[in-house]
């Protein structure tokens, strides 16, 4: 009933199609980091009506179209979508609308997710006859809670960001700006060192600076 294939780069849409046909009682599936997975896999999994928990974090071939497909399954309770660069409000709108049992949704690090998703979650839980609560984890997104009025005890929105940047499929683009700034700082350090050395060699001139630079840490997050 439980299957974890996380970070397995040999897992592709054909494998998931076979899983969806042969594992009808599957309740838990973790496909995080399986970068060959696309929307086609989510379409296949929509036939797994016993599936309750689905982890599809750090996938760049999953889009809103795929979310709309898996939403038709209708039985999901927990979904993790951390660090998926091509997920946005449109797919999540369909997901929360068609998933009346959803109680845990983590979209940490999905930058295209906005207040539209929060509003959709609020409308969805208020329409539930079961009274089930929903936890939305939205750290590292474009959600701005200050602009919303959340007066329902059925929806909890967390600012925590559980996305691990080093696992993001777009990590080079995402972290590139940080690297560039640090490289610039490091180049500035070496320029100061060269200037200091030249001044010290020239008689009658005083060296500027203390000559003690600091190495910039290139990697903020461990791989």
N, C-alpha and C. Protein backbone atom coordinates (compact mmCIF):
# COMPACT_ATOMS: atom_id res chain seq x y z
N UNK A 1 0.82 -1.21 0.00
CA UNK A 1 0.00 0.00 0.00
C UNK A 1 0.85 1.26 0.00
N UNK A 2 2.12 1.16 0.45
CA UNK A 2 3.02 2.31 0.49
C UNK A 2 4.17 2.10 -0.47
N UNK A 3 4.50 3.13 -1.27
CA UNK A 3 5.57 3.01 -2.24
C UNK A 3 6.35 4.32 -2.30
N UNK A 4 7.65 4.25 -2.07
CA UNK A 4 8.52 5.42 -2.14
C UNK A 4 9.57 5.20 -3.23
N UNK A 5 9.57 6.08 -4.23
CA UNK A 5 10.52 6.02 -5.34
C UNK A 5 11.34 7.30 -5.41
N UNK A 6 11.45 8.00 -4.31
CA UNK A 6 12.05 9.32 -4.28
C UNK A 6 13.48 9.35 -4.83
N UNK A 7 13.78 10.39 -5.61
CA UNK A 7 15.10 10.64 -6.19
C UNK A 7 15.57 9.51 -7.11
N UNK A 8 14.64 8.78 -7.68
CA UNK A 8 15.00 7.69 -8.59
C UNK A 8 14.85 8.19 -10.03
N UNK A 9 15.98 8.41 -10.69
CA UNK A 9 15.95 9.01 -12.01
C UNK A 9 15.63 8.00 -13.12
N UNK A 10 15.44 6.75 -12.73
CA UNK A 10 15.02 5.73 -13.71
C UNK A 10 13.50 5.62 -13.77
N UNK A 11 12.83 6.28 -12.87
CA UNK A 11 11.38 6.24 -12.85
C UNK A 11 10.84 7.28 -13.83
N UNK A 12 10.05 6.81 -14.81
CA UNK A 12 9.47 7.72 -15.78
C UNK A 12 7.97 7.48 -15.90
N UNK A 13 7.35 8.06 -16.88
CA UNK A 13 5.91 7.95 -17.03
C UNK A 13 5.46 6.52 -17.29
N UNK A 14 6.28 5.73 -17.99
CA UNK A 14 5.92 4.34 -18.25
C UNK A 14 5.88 3.53 -16.95
N UNK A 15 6.81 3.79 -16.07
CA UNK A 15 6.84 3.09 -14.79
C UNK A 15 5.60 3.44 -13.98
N UNK A 16 5.26 4.71 -13.94
CA UNK A 16 4.09 5.13 -13.16
C UNK A 16 2.80 4.60 -13.78
N UNK A 17 2.75 4.49 -15.07
CA UNK A 17 1.58 3.90 -15.72
C UNK A 17 1.41 2.45 -15.26
N UNK A 18 2.53 1.71 -15.21
CA UNK A 18 2.47 0.32 -14.74
C UNK A 18 2.05 0.25 -13.28
N UNK A 19 2.56 1.18 -12.47
CA UNK A 19 2.18 1.21 -11.05
C UNK A 19 0.68 1.46 -10.92
N UNK A 20 0.17 2.39 -11.69
CA UNK A 20 -1.26 2.75 -11.58
C UNK A 20 -2.16 1.59 -12.00
N UNK A 21 -1.68 0.73 -12.87
CA UNK A 21 -2.47 -0.41 -13.32
C UNK A 21 -2.33 -1.62 -12.42
N UNK A 22 -1.18 -1.74 -11.77
CA UNK A 22 -0.93 -2.94 -10.97
C UNK A 22 -1.06 -2.78 -9.47
N UNK A 23 -1.21 -1.52 -9.01
CA UNK A 23 -1.27 -1.27 -7.56
C UNK A 23 -2.55 -0.52 -7.22
N UNK A 24 -3.66 -1.16 -7.38
CA UNK A 24 -4.95 -0.51 -7.18
C UNK A 24 -5.21 -0.14 -5.71
N UNK A 25 -4.51 -0.79 -4.78
CA UNK A 25 -4.71 -0.50 -3.36
C UNK A 25 -3.68 0.48 -2.81
N UNK A 26 -2.91 1.08 -3.70
CA UNK A 26 -1.87 2.02 -3.29
C UNK A 26 -2.48 3.21 -2.54
N UNK A 27 -1.94 3.49 -1.36
CA UNK A 27 -2.44 4.58 -0.53
C UNK A 27 -1.42 5.72 -0.37
N UNK A 28 -0.13 5.39 -0.45
CA UNK A 28 0.93 6.38 -0.24
C UNK A 28 1.95 6.24 -1.36
N UNK A 29 2.29 7.36 -2.01
CA UNK A 29 3.26 7.33 -3.10
C UNK A 29 4.14 8.57 -3.04
N UNK A 30 5.45 8.35 -3.03
CA UNK A 30 6.43 9.45 -3.00
C UNK A 30 7.26 9.42 -4.27
N UNK A 31 7.08 10.43 -5.12
CA UNK A 31 7.81 10.55 -6.37
C UNK A 31 8.71 11.78 -6.39
N UNK A 32 9.01 12.32 -5.23
CA UNK A 32 9.81 13.54 -5.13
C UNK A 32 11.18 13.36 -5.78
N UNK A 33 11.55 14.29 -6.63
CA UNK A 33 12.86 14.26 -7.27
C UNK A 33 12.99 13.29 -8.42
N UNK A 34 11.92 12.63 -8.81
CA UNK A 34 11.95 11.73 -9.99
C UNK A 34 11.75 12.61 -11.22
N UNK A 35 12.84 13.15 -11.75
CA UNK A 35 12.74 14.23 -12.72
C UNK A 35 12.28 13.82 -14.12
N UNK A 36 12.00 12.53 -14.32
CA UNK A 36 11.46 12.08 -15.60
C UNK A 36 9.93 12.03 -15.58
N UNK A 37 9.36 12.35 -14.43
CA UNK A 37 7.92 12.32 -14.27
C UNK A 37 7.30 13.57 -14.90
N UNK A 38 6.18 13.37 -15.63
CA UNK A 38 5.49 14.50 -16.24
C UNK A 38 4.00 14.45 -15.90
N UNK A 39 3.24 15.34 -16.50
CA UNK A 39 1.80 15.37 -16.29
C UNK A 39 1.13 14.05 -16.65
N UNK A 40 1.72 13.34 -17.59
CA UNK A 40 1.15 12.06 -18.01
C UNK A 40 1.04 11.10 -16.82
N UNK A 41 2.01 11.13 -15.93
CA UNK A 41 1.98 10.25 -14.76
C UNK A 41 0.82 10.59 -13.84
N UNK A 42 0.55 11.88 -13.68
CA UNK A 42 -0.57 12.28 -12.83
C UNK A 42 -1.90 11.85 -13.44
N UNK A 43 -1.98 11.87 -14.76
CA UNK A 43 -3.18 11.37 -15.42
C UNK A 43 -3.36 9.89 -15.14
N UNK A 44 -2.27 9.14 -15.17
CA UNK A 44 -2.33 7.70 -14.88
C UNK A 44 -2.77 7.46 -13.44
N UNK A 45 -2.23 8.26 -12.50
CA UNK A 45 -2.52 8.06 -11.09
C UNK A 45 -3.95 8.46 -10.72
N UNK A 46 -4.62 9.19 -11.58
CA UNK A 46 -6.00 9.58 -11.29
C UNK A 46 -6.92 8.38 -11.22
N UNK A 47 -6.44 7.23 -11.69
CA UNK A 47 -7.23 5.99 -11.62
C UNK A 47 -6.99 5.22 -10.33
N UNK A 48 -6.07 5.70 -9.50
CA UNK A 48 -5.78 5.04 -8.22
C UNK A 48 -6.67 5.65 -7.14
N UNK A 49 -7.86 5.13 -6.99
CA UNK A 49 -8.87 5.75 -6.13
C UNK A 49 -8.60 5.53 -4.64
N UNK A 50 -7.66 4.65 -4.31
CA UNK A 50 -7.32 4.43 -2.90
C UNK A 50 -6.19 5.35 -2.44
N UNK A 51 -5.58 6.06 -3.37
CA UNK A 51 -4.44 6.91 -3.05
C UNK A 51 -4.87 8.05 -2.14
N UNK A 52 -4.16 8.18 -1.01
CA UNK A 52 -4.48 9.22 -0.04
C UNK A 52 -3.36 10.25 0.11
N UNK A 53 -2.12 9.81 -0.06
CA UNK A 53 -0.96 10.70 0.12
C UNK A 53 -0.08 10.66 -1.11
N UNK A 54 0.22 11.84 -1.66
CA UNK A 54 1.05 11.92 -2.86
C UNK A 54 2.10 13.01 -2.68
N UNK A 55 3.38 12.62 -2.83
CA UNK A 55 4.49 13.56 -2.76
C UNK A 55 5.09 13.69 -4.15
N UNK A 56 5.02 14.89 -4.71
CA UNK A 56 5.58 15.11 -6.05
C UNK A 56 6.40 16.41 -6.04
N UNK A 57 7.25 16.54 -5.04
CA UNK A 57 8.08 17.73 -4.90
C UNK A 57 9.29 17.69 -5.84
N UNK A 58 9.79 18.90 -6.17
CA UNK A 58 11.02 19.09 -6.95
C UNK A 58 10.93 18.49 -8.35
N UNK A 59 9.80 18.70 -9.00
CA UNK A 59 9.59 18.21 -10.37
C UNK A 59 9.26 19.40 -11.27
N UNK A 60 10.00 19.56 -12.36
CA UNK A 60 9.76 20.70 -13.24
C UNK A 60 8.90 20.34 -14.46
N UNK A 61 8.53 19.06 -14.60
CA UNK A 61 7.68 18.67 -15.73
C UNK A 61 6.23 18.49 -15.29
N UNK A 62 5.96 18.79 -14.03
CA UNK A 62 4.60 18.79 -13.52
C UNK A 62 4.04 20.21 -13.65
N UNK A 63 2.87 20.33 -14.27
CA UNK A 63 2.26 21.64 -14.48
C UNK A 63 0.84 21.67 -13.91
N UNK A 64 0.19 22.78 -14.11
CA UNK A 64 -1.19 22.92 -13.65
C UNK A 64 -2.12 21.92 -14.34
N UNK A 65 -1.80 21.58 -15.56
CA UNK A 65 -2.61 20.60 -16.28
C UNK A 65 -2.57 19.24 -15.60
N UNK A 66 -1.40 18.84 -15.13
CA UNK A 66 -1.28 17.58 -14.41
C UNK A 66 -2.03 17.60 -13.10
N UNK A 67 -1.98 18.72 -12.39
CA UNK A 67 -2.73 18.84 -11.13
C UNK A 67 -4.23 18.70 -11.37
N UNK A 68 -4.69 19.28 -12.45
CA UNK A 68 -6.12 19.18 -12.77
C UNK A 68 -6.51 17.73 -13.03
N UNK A 69 -5.59 16.96 -13.59
CA UNK A 69 -5.86 15.54 -13.86
C UNK A 69 -5.95 14.72 -12.58
N UNK A 70 -4.96 14.88 -11.69
CA UNK A 70 -4.97 14.09 -10.46
C UNK A 70 -6.10 14.53 -9.54
N UNK A 71 -6.56 15.77 -9.70
CA UNK A 71 -7.67 16.26 -8.86
C UNK A 71 -8.93 15.45 -9.08
N UNK A 72 -9.09 14.90 -10.27
CA UNK A 72 -10.30 14.12 -10.57
C UNK A 72 -10.36 12.82 -9.78
N UNK A 73 -9.24 12.43 -9.18
CA UNK A 73 -9.21 11.23 -8.35
C UNK A 73 -10.09 11.41 -7.13
N UNK A 74 -10.07 12.59 -6.55
CA UNK A 74 -11.04 12.99 -5.55
C UNK A 74 -10.85 12.47 -4.13
N UNK A 75 -9.82 11.66 -3.86
CA UNK A 75 -9.67 11.06 -2.54
C UNK A 75 -8.41 11.50 -1.80
N UNK A 76 -7.64 12.40 -2.37
CA UNK A 76 -6.38 12.80 -1.75
C UNK A 76 -6.61 13.53 -0.44
N UNK A 77 -5.76 13.20 0.54
CA UNK A 77 -5.80 13.86 1.84
C UNK A 77 -4.55 14.70 2.09
N UNK A 78 -3.42 14.24 1.57
CA UNK A 78 -2.15 14.94 1.77
C UNK A 78 -1.41 15.04 0.45
N UNK A 79 -0.96 16.24 0.11
CA UNK A 79 -0.17 16.42 -1.11
C UNK A 79 0.97 17.38 -0.84
N UNK A 80 2.19 16.95 -1.21
CA UNK A 80 3.38 17.79 -1.09
C UNK A 80 3.86 18.16 -2.48
N UNK A 81 3.99 19.48 -2.71
CA UNK A 81 4.40 20.01 -4.01
C UNK A 81 5.54 21.00 -3.84
N UNK A 82 6.47 20.70 -3.00
CA UNK A 82 7.54 21.65 -2.70
C UNK A 82 8.46 21.87 -3.91
N UNK A 83 8.81 23.12 -4.14
CA UNK A 83 9.81 23.45 -5.14
C UNK A 83 9.48 23.02 -6.55
N UNK A 84 8.22 23.10 -6.95
CA UNK A 84 7.80 22.78 -8.33
C UNK A 84 7.65 24.10 -9.08
N UNK A 85 8.58 24.44 -9.98
CA UNK A 85 8.60 25.77 -10.59
C UNK A 85 7.47 26.06 -11.55
N UNK A 86 6.78 25.03 -12.02
CA UNK A 86 5.73 25.24 -13.02
C UNK A 86 4.32 25.01 -12.48
N UNK A 87 4.20 25.06 -11.17
CA UNK A 87 2.89 24.95 -10.52
C UNK A 87 2.41 26.34 -10.12
N UNK A 88 1.13 26.59 -10.39
CA UNK A 88 0.57 27.90 -10.05
C UNK A 88 -0.86 27.79 -9.55
N UNK A 89 -1.53 28.91 -9.55
CA UNK A 89 -2.88 28.97 -8.98
C UNK A 89 -3.90 28.13 -9.75
N UNK A 90 -3.78 28.09 -11.06
CA UNK A 90 -4.81 27.45 -11.86
C UNK A 90 -4.99 25.98 -11.50
N UNK A 91 -3.89 25.24 -11.42
CA UNK A 91 -3.98 23.83 -11.07
C UNK A 91 -4.42 23.61 -9.65
N UNK A 92 -3.96 24.47 -8.74
CA UNK A 92 -4.34 24.33 -7.34
C UNK A 92 -5.81 24.65 -7.12
N UNK A 93 -6.37 25.57 -7.90
CA UNK A 93 -7.79 25.86 -7.81
C UNK A 93 -8.62 24.60 -8.06
N UNK A 94 -8.25 23.88 -9.12
CA UNK A 94 -8.97 22.65 -9.45
C UNK A 94 -8.76 21.59 -8.38
N UNK A 95 -7.53 21.51 -7.88
CA UNK A 95 -7.20 20.50 -6.87
C UNK A 95 -8.04 20.67 -5.61
N UNK A 96 -8.07 21.88 -5.07
CA UNK A 96 -8.80 22.09 -3.81
C UNK A 96 -10.31 21.99 -4.02
N UNK A 97 -10.76 22.32 -5.22
CA UNK A 97 -12.19 22.25 -5.50
C UNK A 97 -12.68 20.81 -5.56
N UNK A 98 -11.86 19.93 -6.13
CA UNK A 98 -12.26 18.55 -6.36
C UNK A 98 -11.73 17.57 -5.30
N UNK A 99 -11.11 18.10 -4.26
CA UNK A 99 -10.54 17.23 -3.21
C UNK A 99 -11.16 17.58 -1.86
N UNK A 100 -12.37 17.12 -1.61
CA UNK A 100 -13.07 17.49 -0.37
C UNK A 100 -12.44 16.91 0.90
N UNK A 101 -11.55 15.92 0.73
CA UNK A 101 -10.92 15.29 1.90
C UNK A 101 -9.51 15.84 2.16
N UNK A 102 -9.06 16.76 1.32
CA UNK A 102 -7.70 17.30 1.45
C UNK A 102 -7.54 18.03 2.78
N UNK A 103 -6.52 17.63 3.55
CA UNK A 103 -6.29 18.25 4.86
C UNK A 103 -4.87 18.80 5.02
N UNK A 104 -3.96 18.48 4.08
CA UNK A 104 -2.57 18.95 4.18
C UNK A 104 -2.06 19.21 2.77
N UNK A 105 -1.77 20.48 2.49
CA UNK A 105 -1.26 20.87 1.17
C UNK A 105 -0.03 21.74 1.37
N UNK A 106 1.11 21.25 0.89
CA UNK A 106 2.39 21.95 1.07
C UNK A 106 2.90 22.41 -0.30
N UNK A 107 2.89 23.72 -0.52
CA UNK A 107 3.38 24.28 -1.78
C UNK A 107 4.60 25.16 -1.51
N UNK A 108 5.38 24.81 -0.50
CA UNK A 108 6.59 25.57 -0.17
C UNK A 108 7.48 25.76 -1.40
N UNK A 109 7.90 27.00 -1.63
CA UNK A 109 8.85 27.26 -2.71
C UNK A 109 8.26 27.31 -4.09
N UNK A 110 6.93 27.21 -4.22
CA UNK A 110 6.29 27.34 -5.54
C UNK A 110 5.97 28.82 -5.74
N UNK A 111 6.84 29.51 -6.44
CA UNK A 111 6.80 30.97 -6.48
C UNK A 111 5.61 31.54 -7.24
N UNK A 112 4.96 30.72 -8.07
CA UNK A 112 3.82 31.22 -8.84
C UNK A 112 2.50 31.11 -8.08
N UNK A 113 2.56 30.60 -6.87
CA UNK A 113 1.35 30.48 -6.04
C UNK A 113 1.10 31.81 -5.34
N UNK A 114 -0.13 32.32 -5.46
CA UNK A 114 -0.47 33.63 -4.92
C UNK A 114 -1.66 33.54 -3.97
N UNK A 115 -2.18 34.68 -3.61
CA UNK A 115 -3.34 34.75 -2.74
C UNK A 115 -4.58 34.12 -3.36
N UNK A 116 -4.57 33.96 -4.68
CA UNK A 116 -5.70 33.31 -5.36
C UNK A 116 -5.89 31.90 -4.82
N UNK A 117 -4.80 31.20 -4.59
CA UNK A 117 -4.88 29.84 -4.05
C UNK A 117 -5.42 29.85 -2.63
N UNK A 118 -4.97 30.79 -1.82
CA UNK A 118 -5.45 30.87 -0.44
C UNK A 118 -6.96 31.10 -0.41
N UNK A 119 -7.42 32.01 -1.25
CA UNK A 119 -8.86 32.30 -1.32
C UNK A 119 -9.64 31.08 -1.77
N UNK A 120 -9.09 30.34 -2.74
CA UNK A 120 -9.75 29.12 -3.21
C UNK A 120 -9.83 28.08 -2.10
N UNK A 121 -8.77 27.96 -1.32
CA UNK A 121 -8.78 27.02 -0.20
C UNK A 121 -9.84 27.42 0.83
N UNK A 122 -9.93 28.70 1.08
CA UNK A 122 -10.92 29.18 2.05
C UNK A 122 -12.34 28.88 1.57
N UNK A 123 -12.61 29.16 0.31
CA UNK A 123 -13.94 28.88 -0.25
C UNK A 123 -14.24 27.38 -0.21
N UNK A 124 -13.21 26.57 -0.46
CA UNK A 124 -13.40 25.12 -0.49
C UNK A 124 -13.76 24.56 0.88
N UNK A 125 -13.01 24.95 1.91
CA UNK A 125 -13.27 24.40 3.24
C UNK A 125 -14.60 24.89 3.81
N UNK A 126 -14.99 26.10 3.45
CA UNK A 126 -16.26 26.63 3.94
C UNK A 126 -17.44 25.92 3.29
N UNK A 127 -17.20 25.33 2.13
CA UNK A 127 -18.27 24.62 1.43
C UNK A 127 -18.36 23.14 1.84
N UNK A 128 -17.42 22.68 2.65
CA UNK A 128 -17.41 21.28 3.04
C UNK A 128 -18.49 20.99 4.07
N UNK A 129 -19.21 19.91 3.81
CA UNK A 129 -20.22 19.49 4.79
C UNK A 129 -19.60 18.70 5.93
N UNK A 130 -18.38 18.18 5.70
CA UNK A 130 -17.72 17.36 6.72
C UNK A 130 -17.11 18.18 7.83
N UNK A 131 -16.82 19.46 7.55
CA UNK A 131 -16.18 20.30 8.55
C UNK A 131 -14.70 20.01 8.72
N UNK A 132 -14.10 19.28 7.77
CA UNK A 132 -12.67 18.96 7.86
C UNK A 132 -11.82 20.19 7.61
N UNK A 133 -10.75 20.31 8.41
CA UNK A 133 -9.85 21.44 8.31
C UNK A 133 -8.77 21.18 7.26
N UNK A 134 -8.19 22.28 6.76
CA UNK A 134 -7.11 22.19 5.78
C UNK A 134 -5.94 23.05 6.25
N UNK A 135 -4.74 22.44 6.22
CA UNK A 135 -3.51 23.16 6.50
C UNK A 135 -2.80 23.44 5.17
N UNK A 136 -2.60 24.71 4.87
CA UNK A 136 -1.88 25.13 3.67
C UNK A 136 -0.53 25.69 4.09
N UNK A 137 0.55 25.08 3.61
CA UNK A 137 1.90 25.54 3.91
C UNK A 137 2.40 26.30 2.69
N UNK A 138 2.63 27.60 2.86
CA UNK A 138 2.87 28.47 1.71
C UNK A 138 4.11 29.34 1.85
N UNK A 139 5.10 28.90 2.61
CA UNK A 139 6.35 29.65 2.70
C UNK A 139 7.11 29.60 1.39
N UNK A 140 7.77 30.70 1.03
CA UNK A 140 8.54 30.73 -0.20
C UNK A 140 7.71 30.87 -1.45
N UNK A 141 6.44 31.28 -1.30
CA UNK A 141 5.56 31.53 -2.43
C UNK A 141 5.33 33.03 -2.57
N UNK A 142 4.38 33.39 -3.43
CA UNK A 142 4.02 34.81 -3.60
C UNK A 142 2.79 35.18 -2.79
N UNK A 143 2.44 34.33 -1.83
CA UNK A 143 1.29 34.60 -0.97
C UNK A 143 1.62 35.76 -0.02
N UNK A 144 0.71 36.70 0.10
CA UNK A 144 0.85 37.83 1.01
C UNK A 144 -0.35 37.82 1.96
N UNK A 145 -0.15 37.22 3.11
CA UNK A 145 -1.26 37.05 4.05
C UNK A 145 -1.78 38.38 4.58
N UNK A 146 -0.92 39.40 4.58
CA UNK A 146 -1.34 40.69 5.12
C UNK A 146 -2.50 41.28 4.33
N UNK A 147 -2.62 40.88 3.07
CA UNK A 147 -3.67 41.43 2.22
C UNK A 147 -4.98 40.64 2.29
N UNK A 148 -5.00 39.60 3.14
CA UNK A 148 -6.18 38.74 3.23
C UNK A 148 -6.83 38.83 4.60
N UNK A 149 -8.09 38.55 4.63
CA UNK A 149 -8.82 38.44 5.89
C UNK A 149 -9.29 36.99 6.04
N UNK A 150 -8.58 36.25 6.86
CA UNK A 150 -8.90 34.84 7.07
C UNK A 150 -9.60 34.69 8.41
N UNK A 151 -10.89 34.52 8.35
CA UNK A 151 -11.68 34.46 9.58
C UNK A 151 -12.32 33.10 9.79
N UNK A 152 -11.77 32.08 9.13
CA UNK A 152 -12.33 30.74 9.27
C UNK A 152 -11.39 29.86 10.08
N UNK A 153 -11.94 29.09 10.99
CA UNK A 153 -11.11 28.16 11.76
C UNK A 153 -10.93 26.84 11.02
N UNK A 154 -11.44 26.77 9.79
CA UNK A 154 -11.29 25.56 8.98
C UNK A 154 -10.04 25.60 8.12
N UNK A 155 -9.41 26.77 7.99
CA UNK A 155 -8.21 26.91 7.16
C UNK A 155 -7.09 27.52 7.98
N UNK A 156 -5.96 26.82 8.01
CA UNK A 156 -4.75 27.33 8.65
C UNK A 156 -3.69 27.50 7.58
N UNK A 157 -3.13 28.69 7.49
CA UNK A 157 -2.09 28.98 6.51
C UNK A 157 -0.76 29.20 7.25
N UNK A 158 0.22 28.39 6.90
CA UNK A 158 1.54 28.48 7.55
C UNK A 158 2.54 29.17 6.63
N UNK A 159 3.38 30.01 7.21
CA UNK A 159 4.43 30.69 6.46
C UNK A 159 5.72 29.87 6.37
N UNK A 160 5.75 28.72 6.99
CA UNK A 160 6.96 27.90 6.97
C UNK A 160 7.32 27.50 5.54
N UNK A 161 8.60 27.49 5.27
CA UNK A 161 9.11 27.09 3.96
C UNK A 161 9.96 25.84 4.14
N UNK A 162 9.42 24.70 3.75
CA UNK A 162 10.12 23.43 3.90
C UNK A 162 10.84 23.01 2.62
N UNK A 163 10.86 23.90 1.64
CA UNK A 163 11.54 23.59 0.38
C UNK A 163 13.05 23.60 0.58
N UNK A 164 13.72 22.56 0.11
CA UNK A 164 15.19 22.48 0.15
C UNK A 164 15.71 22.97 -1.19
N UNK A 165 16.32 24.15 -1.21
CA UNK A 165 16.69 24.79 -2.47
C UNK A 165 17.66 23.96 -3.30
N UNK A 166 18.52 23.20 -2.66
CA UNK A 166 19.50 22.40 -3.39
C UNK A 166 18.85 21.24 -4.15
N UNK A 167 17.58 20.94 -3.84
CA UNK A 167 16.87 19.87 -4.54
C UNK A 167 15.97 20.39 -5.65
N UNK A 168 15.84 21.69 -5.75
CA UNK A 168 14.98 22.28 -6.77
C UNK A 168 15.48 21.93 -8.17
N UNK A 169 14.61 21.61 -9.10
CA UNK A 169 15.06 21.35 -10.47
C UNK A 169 15.60 22.61 -11.15
N UNK A 170 15.18 23.78 -10.68
CA UNK A 170 15.65 25.05 -11.22
C UNK A 170 16.67 25.70 -10.29
N UNK A 171 17.40 24.89 -9.53
CA UNK A 171 18.27 25.43 -8.48
C UNK A 171 19.36 26.35 -9.04
N UNK A 172 19.85 26.11 -10.24
CA UNK A 172 20.90 26.96 -10.80
C UNK A 172 20.36 28.36 -11.07
N UNK A 173 19.14 28.42 -11.62
CA UNK A 173 18.53 29.73 -11.85
C UNK A 173 18.13 30.38 -10.53
N UNK A 174 17.61 29.56 -9.62
CA UNK A 174 17.09 30.08 -8.35
C UNK A 174 18.21 30.64 -7.48
N UNK A 175 19.36 29.96 -7.47
CA UNK A 175 20.46 30.37 -6.60
C UNK A 175 21.52 31.19 -7.33
N UNK A 176 21.34 31.35 -8.66
CA UNK A 176 22.36 32.02 -9.45
C UNK A 176 22.65 33.42 -8.99
N UNK A 177 21.59 34.16 -8.64
CA UNK A 177 21.78 35.53 -8.18
C UNK A 177 22.62 35.61 -6.92
N UNK A 178 22.40 34.65 -6.02
CA UNK A 178 23.17 34.63 -4.79
C UNK A 178 24.64 34.35 -5.07
N UNK A 179 24.89 33.41 -6.02
CA UNK A 179 26.27 33.11 -6.36
C UNK A 179 26.96 34.32 -6.98
N UNK A 180 26.23 35.02 -7.88
CA UNK A 180 26.83 36.16 -8.56
C UNK A 180 27.22 37.24 -7.55
N UNK A 181 26.35 37.51 -6.59
CA UNK A 181 26.67 38.52 -5.57
C UNK A 181 27.89 38.14 -4.77
N UNK A 182 27.99 36.85 -4.43
CA UNK A 182 29.11 36.40 -3.62
C UNK A 182 30.40 36.42 -4.42
N UNK A 183 30.31 36.08 -5.74
CA UNK A 183 31.49 36.14 -6.58
C UNK A 183 31.99 37.57 -6.69
N UNK A 184 31.05 38.52 -6.79
CA UNK A 184 31.44 39.92 -6.86
C UNK A 184 32.15 40.36 -5.60
N UNK A 185 31.65 39.92 -4.45
CA UNK A 185 32.29 40.25 -3.17
C UNK A 185 33.70 39.67 -3.11
N UNK A 186 33.83 38.42 -3.63
CA UNK A 186 35.14 37.78 -3.58
C UNK A 186 36.12 38.49 -4.49
N UNK A 187 35.68 38.92 -5.68
CA UNK A 187 36.56 39.66 -6.59
C UNK A 187 36.99 40.98 -5.97
N UNK A 188 36.07 41.62 -5.27
CA UNK A 188 36.39 42.87 -4.60
C UNK A 188 37.46 42.65 -3.52
N UNK A 189 37.39 41.51 -2.86
CA UNK A 189 38.38 41.17 -1.83
C UNK A 189 39.77 41.04 -2.45
N UNK A 190 39.87 40.33 -3.60
CA UNK A 190 41.18 40.15 -4.22
C UNK A 190 41.72 41.47 -4.75
N UNK A 191 40.82 42.35 -5.27
CA UNK A 191 41.28 43.65 -5.74
C UNK A 191 41.87 44.45 -4.59
N UNK A 192 41.23 44.39 -3.43
CA UNK A 192 41.74 45.09 -2.25
C UNK A 192 43.09 44.53 -1.82
N UNK A 193 43.23 43.19 -1.92
CA UNK A 193 44.49 42.56 -1.53
C UNK A 193 45.62 43.02 -2.45
N UNK A 194 45.34 43.05 -3.79
CA UNK A 194 46.36 43.47 -4.74
C UNK A 194 46.76 44.92 -4.50
N UNK A 195 45.76 45.77 -4.23
CA UNK A 195 46.04 47.17 -3.98
C UNK A 195 46.89 47.35 -2.73
N UNK A 196 46.57 46.57 -1.71
CA UNK A 196 47.32 46.65 -0.46
C UNK A 196 48.76 46.22 -0.65
N UNK A 197 48.95 45.15 -1.41
CA UNK A 197 50.31 44.64 -1.64
C UNK A 197 51.14 45.66 -2.39
N UNK A 198 50.53 46.32 -3.39
CA UNK A 198 51.27 47.31 -4.18
C UNK A 198 51.66 48.50 -3.33
N UNK A 199 50.75 48.94 -2.47
CA UNK A 199 51.04 50.08 -1.62
C UNK A 199 52.16 49.78 -0.63
N UNK A 200 52.19 48.55 -0.15
CA UNK A 200 53.21 48.18 0.82
C UNK A 200 54.58 48.14 0.16
N UNK A 201 54.64 47.83 -1.14
CA UNK A 201 55.93 47.74 -1.83
C UNK A 201 56.47 49.12 -2.20
N UNK A 202 55.58 50.09 -2.32
CA UNK A 202 56.03 51.42 -2.73
C UNK A 202 56.51 52.22 -1.51
N UNK A 203 57.77 52.74 -1.53
CA UNK A 203 58.27 53.50 -0.38
C UNK A 203 57.57 54.84 -0.25
N UNK A 204 57.34 55.25 0.97
CA UNK A 204 56.75 56.55 1.23
C UNK A 204 55.24 56.56 1.14
N UNK A 205 54.62 55.44 0.78
CA UNK A 205 53.17 55.37 0.68
C UNK A 205 52.64 54.50 1.80
N UNK A 206 51.47 54.88 2.34
CA UNK A 206 50.86 54.08 3.39
C UNK A 206 49.81 53.16 2.79
N UNK A 207 49.77 51.95 3.27
CA UNK A 207 48.80 50.97 2.76
C UNK A 207 47.43 51.26 3.34
N UNK A 208 46.40 51.24 2.47
CA UNK A 208 45.03 51.44 2.94
C UNK A 208 44.39 50.10 3.22
N UNK A 209 43.57 50.02 4.29
CA UNK A 209 42.91 48.76 4.64
C UNK A 209 43.78 47.94 5.54
N UNK A 210 43.15 46.95 6.17
CA UNK A 210 43.91 46.12 7.10
C UNK A 210 44.39 44.83 6.46
N UNK A 211 43.98 44.61 5.20
CA UNK A 211 44.49 43.42 4.51
C UNK A 211 43.86 42.14 4.95
N UNK A 212 42.89 42.22 5.83
CA UNK A 212 42.25 40.99 6.30
C UNK A 212 40.88 40.84 5.64
N UNK A 213 40.81 40.13 4.50
CA UNK A 213 39.53 39.90 3.82
C UNK A 213 38.84 38.69 4.40
N UNK A 214 37.63 38.55 4.00
CA UNK A 214 36.87 37.39 4.45
C UNK A 214 36.41 36.60 3.22
N UNK A 215 36.55 35.29 3.33
CA UNK A 215 36.09 34.42 2.23
C UNK A 215 34.58 34.35 2.25
N UNK A 216 33.99 34.55 1.09
CA UNK A 216 32.53 34.40 0.98
C UNK A 216 32.19 32.93 0.90
N UNK A 217 31.16 32.53 1.61
CA UNK A 217 30.70 31.14 1.53
C UNK A 217 29.90 30.97 0.25
N UNK A 218 30.40 30.12 -0.64
CA UNK A 218 29.78 30.00 -1.95
C UNK A 218 28.46 29.28 -1.87
N UNK A 219 28.38 28.25 -1.04
CA UNK A 219 27.16 27.45 -0.97
C UNK A 219 26.46 27.72 0.34
N UNK A 220 25.26 28.27 0.28
CA UNK A 220 24.50 28.52 1.50
C UNK A 220 23.79 27.27 1.98
N UNK A 221 23.39 26.41 1.02
CA UNK A 221 22.65 25.19 1.40
C UNK A 221 23.48 23.98 1.05
N UNK A 222 23.60 23.04 1.96
CA UNK A 222 24.36 21.81 1.66
C UNK A 222 23.64 20.99 0.61
N UNK A 223 24.39 20.33 -0.27
CA UNK A 223 23.80 19.46 -1.30
C UNK A 223 23.44 18.12 -0.70
